[in-house]
C-alpha atoms as a PDB file:
ATOM      1  CA  MET A   1     144.345 119.798 151.680  1.00  0.00           C
ATOM      2  CA  THR A   2     146.966 121.968 153.349  1.00  0.00           C
ATOM      3  CA  ILE A   3     146.613 125.650 152.486  1.00  0.00           C
ATOM      4  CA  ARG A   4     149.627 127.938 152.856  1.00  0.00           C
ATOM      5  CA  GLN A   5     148.774 131.632 153.119  1.00  0.00           C
ATOM      6  CA  ILE A   6     151.147 133.811 151.071  1.00  0.00           C
ATOM      7  CA  ASP A   7     149.447 137.129 151.899  1.00  0.00           C
ATOM      8  CA  ASN A   8     145.919 138.425 152.507  1.00  0.00           C
ATOM      9  CA  ASN A   9     144.970 137.989 148.840  1.00  0.00           C
ATOM     10  CA  PHE A  10     146.722 134.755 147.823  1.00  0.00           C
ATOM     11  CA  ALA A  11     147.233 131.264 149.211  1.00  0.00           C
ATOM     12  CA  VAL A  12     148.465 128.020 147.673  1.00  0.00           C
ATOM     13  CA  THR A  13     147.805 124.335 148.055  1.00  0.00           C
ATOM     14  CA  GLY A  14     148.398 121.057 146.298  1.00  0.00           C
ATOM     15  CA  GLN A  15     145.878 119.423 143.989  1.00  0.00           C
ATOM     16  CA  ILE A  16     142.266 120.019 144.969  1.00  0.00           C
ATOM     17  CA  ARG A  17     139.198 117.935 144.178  1.00  0.00           C
ATOM     18  CA  ALA A  18     135.865 119.201 142.873  1.00  0.00           C
ATOM     19  CA  ASP A  19     134.133 118.133 146.092  1.00  0.00           C
ATOM     20  CA  GLN A  20     136.432 120.472 148.059  1.00  0.00           C
ATOM     21  CA  VAL A  21     135.461 123.597 146.106  1.00  0.00           C
ATOM     22  CA  PRO A  22     132.336 124.411 148.169  1.00  0.00           C
ATOM     23  CA  GLU A  23     134.545 124.263 151.290  1.00  0.00           C
ATOM     24  CA  LEU A  24     136.923 126.752 149.662  1.00  0.00           C
ATOM     25  CA  ALA A  25     134.034 129.082 148.843  1.00  0.00           C
ATOM     26  CA  ALA A  26     132.795 128.820 152.433  1.00  0.00           C
ATOM     27  CA  ALA A  27     136.322 129.686 153.627  1.00  0.00           C
ATOM     28  CA  GLY A  28     136.064 132.975 151.724  1.00  0.00           C
ATOM     29  CA  TYR A  29     138.021 132.329 148.538  1.00  0.00           C
ATOM     30  CA  ALA A  30     136.587 134.208 145.563  1.00  0.00           C
ATOM     31  CA  ALA A  31     138.757 132.662 142.849  1.00  0.00           C
ATOM     32  CA  ILE A  32     140.834 129.595 142.041  1.00  0.00           C
ATOM     33  CA  LEU A  33     143.935 129.632 139.871  1.00  0.00           C
ATOM     34  CA  CYS A  34     145.236 126.308 138.566  1.00  0.00           C
ATOM     35  CA  ALA A  35     148.885 126.131 137.503  1.00  0.00           C
ATOM     36  CA  ARG A  36     148.794 122.376 136.873  1.00  0.00           C
ATOM     37  CA  PRO A  37     148.527 120.817 133.410  1.00  0.00           C
ATOM     38  CA  ASP A  38     145.830 118.194 132.922  1.00  0.00           C
ATOM     39  CA  ASN A  39     147.034 114.568 132.873  1.00  0.00           C
ATOM     40  CA  GLU A  40     150.219 115.299 134.784  1.00  0.00           C
ATOM     41  CA  ASP A  41     149.487 112.305 137.038  1.00  0.00           C
ATOM     42  CA  PRO A  42     147.097 109.384 136.643  1.00  0.00           C
ATOM     43  CA  GLY A  43     143.786 109.967 138.408  1.00  0.00           C
ATOM     44  CA  GLN A  44     144.296 113.717 138.766  1.00  0.00           C
ATOM     45  CA  PRO A  45     141.053 115.711 138.502  1.00  0.00           C
ATOM     46  CA  SER A  46     140.857 117.649 135.248  1.00  0.00           C
ATOM     47  CA  PHE A  47     140.748 121.413 135.209  1.00  0.00           C
ATOM     48  CA  ALA A  48     137.288 121.169 133.615  1.00  0.00           C
ATOM     49  CA  GLU A  49     136.011 119.290 136.706  1.00  0.00           C
ATOM     50  CA  ILE A  50     137.426 121.936 139.040  1.00  0.00           C
ATOM     51  CA  ALA A  51     136.147 124.778 136.831  1.00  0.00           C
ATOM     52  CA  LEU A  52     132.611 123.353 136.813  1.00  0.00           C
ATOM     53  CA  ALA A  53     132.610 123.002 140.603  1.00  0.00           C
ATOM     54  CA  ALA A  54     133.996 126.543 140.942  1.00  0.00           C
ATOM     55  CA  GLU A  55     131.316 127.955 138.652  1.00  0.00           C
ATOM     56  CA  GLN A  56     128.621 126.154 140.647  1.00  0.00           C
ATOM     57  CA  ALA A  57     130.061 127.619 143.867  1.00  0.00           C
ATOM     58  CA  GLY A  58     130.169 131.141 142.419  1.00  0.00           C
ATOM     59  CA  LEU A  59     133.976 131.306 142.198  1.00  0.00           C
ATOM     60  CA  SER A  60     136.056 132.708 139.354  1.00  0.00           C
ATOM     61  CA  VAL A  61     138.585 130.281 137.913  1.00  0.00           C
ATOM     62  CA  VAL A  62     141.674 130.540 135.688  1.00  0.00           C
ATOM     63  CA  HIS A  63     143.939 127.850 134.206  1.00  0.00           C
ATOM     64  CA  ILE A  64     147.578 128.654 133.491  1.00  0.00           C
ATOM     65  CA  PRO A  65     149.189 125.209 133.113  1.00  0.00           C
ATOM     66  CA  ILE A  66     152.930 125.166 133.733  1.00  0.00           C
ATOM     67  CA  SER A  67     155.491 122.408 133.212  1.00  0.00           C
ATOM     68  CA  GLY A  68     158.965 123.526 134.209  1.00  0.00           C
ATOM     69  CA  PRO A  69     159.918 127.180 134.583  1.00  0.00           C
ATOM     70  CA  ALA A  70     157.160 129.666 133.755  1.00  0.00           C
ATOM     71  CA  THR A  71     157.498 131.370 130.388  1.00  0.00           C
ATOM     72  CA  PRO A  72     157.179 135.144 129.985  1.00  0.00           C
ATOM     73  CA  GLU A  73     153.758 134.535 128.384  1.00  0.00           C
ATOM     74  CA  GLN A  74     152.562 132.469 131.360  1.00  0.00           C
ATOM     75  CA  ILE A  75     153.822 135.112 133.778  1.00  0.00           C
ATOM     76  CA  ALA A  76     152.015 137.833 131.819  1.00  0.00           C
ATOM     77  CA  ARG A  77     148.788 135.763 131.837  1.00  0.00           C
ATOM     78  CA  PHE A  78     149.124 135.262 135.588  1.00  0.00           C
ATOM     79  CA  GLN A  79     149.741 138.937 136.253  1.00  0.00           C
ATOM     80  CA  ALA A  80     146.733 139.907 134.107  1.00  0.00           C
ATOM     81  CA  ALA A  81     144.566 137.312 135.865  1.00  0.00           C
ATOM     82  CA  MET A  82     145.578 138.581 139.297  1.00  0.00           C
ATOM     83  CA  ALA A  83     144.687 142.126 138.243  1.00  0.00           C
ATOM     84  CA  ASP A  84     141.220 140.952 137.159  1.00  0.00           C
ATOM     85  CA  LEU A  85     140.297 138.212 139.649  1.00  0.00           C
ATOM     86  CA  PRO A  86     138.358 138.967 142.799  1.00  0.00           C
ATOM     87  CA  GLY A  87     140.251 138.010 145.914  1.00  0.00           C
ATOM     88  CA  PRO A  88     141.245 136.217 147.858  1.00  0.00           C
ATOM     89  CA  VAL A  89     142.625 133.723 145.334  1.00  0.00           C
ATOM     90  CA  LEU A  90     143.671 130.125 145.968  1.00  0.00           C
ATOM     91  CA  GLY A  91     146.374 128.900 143.599  1.00  0.00           C
ATOM     92  CA  TYR A  92     147.050 125.202 143.203  1.00  0.00           C
ATOM     93  CA  CYS A  93     149.219 122.733 141.341  1.00  0.00           C
ATOM     94  CA  ARG A  94     150.652 119.368 142.414  1.00  0.00           C
ATOM     95  CA  SER A  95     152.270 120.749 145.578  1.00  0.00           C
ATOM     96  CA  GLY A  96     151.540 124.491 145.480  1.00  0.00           C
ATOM     97  CA  GLY A  97     155.088 125.355 144.395  1.00  0.00           C
ATOM     98  CA  ARG A  98     154.366 126.493 140.848  1.00  0.00           C
ATOM     99  CA  ALA A  99     151.425 128.592 142.022  1.00  0.00           C
ATOM    100  CA  ALA A 100     153.627 130.220 144.687  1.00  0.00           C
ATOM    101  CA  ASN A 101     156.391 130.845 142.143  1.00  0.00           C
ATOM    102  CA  LEU A 102     153.901 132.555 139.839  1.00  0.00           C
ATOM    103  CA  TYR A 103     152.761 134.783 142.682  1.00  0.00           C
ATOM    104  CA  ALA A 104     156.371 135.729 143.399  1.00  0.00           C
ATOM    105  CA  THR A 105     156.522 137.313 139.917  1.00  0.00           C
ATOM    106  CA  LEU A 106     154.152 140.051 141.120  1.00  0.00           C
ATOM    107  CA  ALA A 107     156.898 141.424 143.356  1.00  0.00           C
ATOM    108  CA  LYS A 108     159.327 141.809 140.451  1.00  0.00           C
END
């Protein structure tokens, strides 16, 4: 897992596994935001698996699955989630790109 820090409150990475969530909690993340739809690739961990691991580690978790450009509704959900989630937040998708693009909408 390669984490790219966007700012003090948000970082992105590619797909994570449930067994990595305790490591993320130990690193100081308070929330996980998944921008990846389930079943995008064979063998990909489901959001439910990640959410269960996050809950067990005491992290907040949000799922805003995106395929293609984010819709206004997805952007609004992301912005509302970021206003409510404790930080710092780790966003993930297949490569981290969609999560980073969502975060860029906060500056607009």
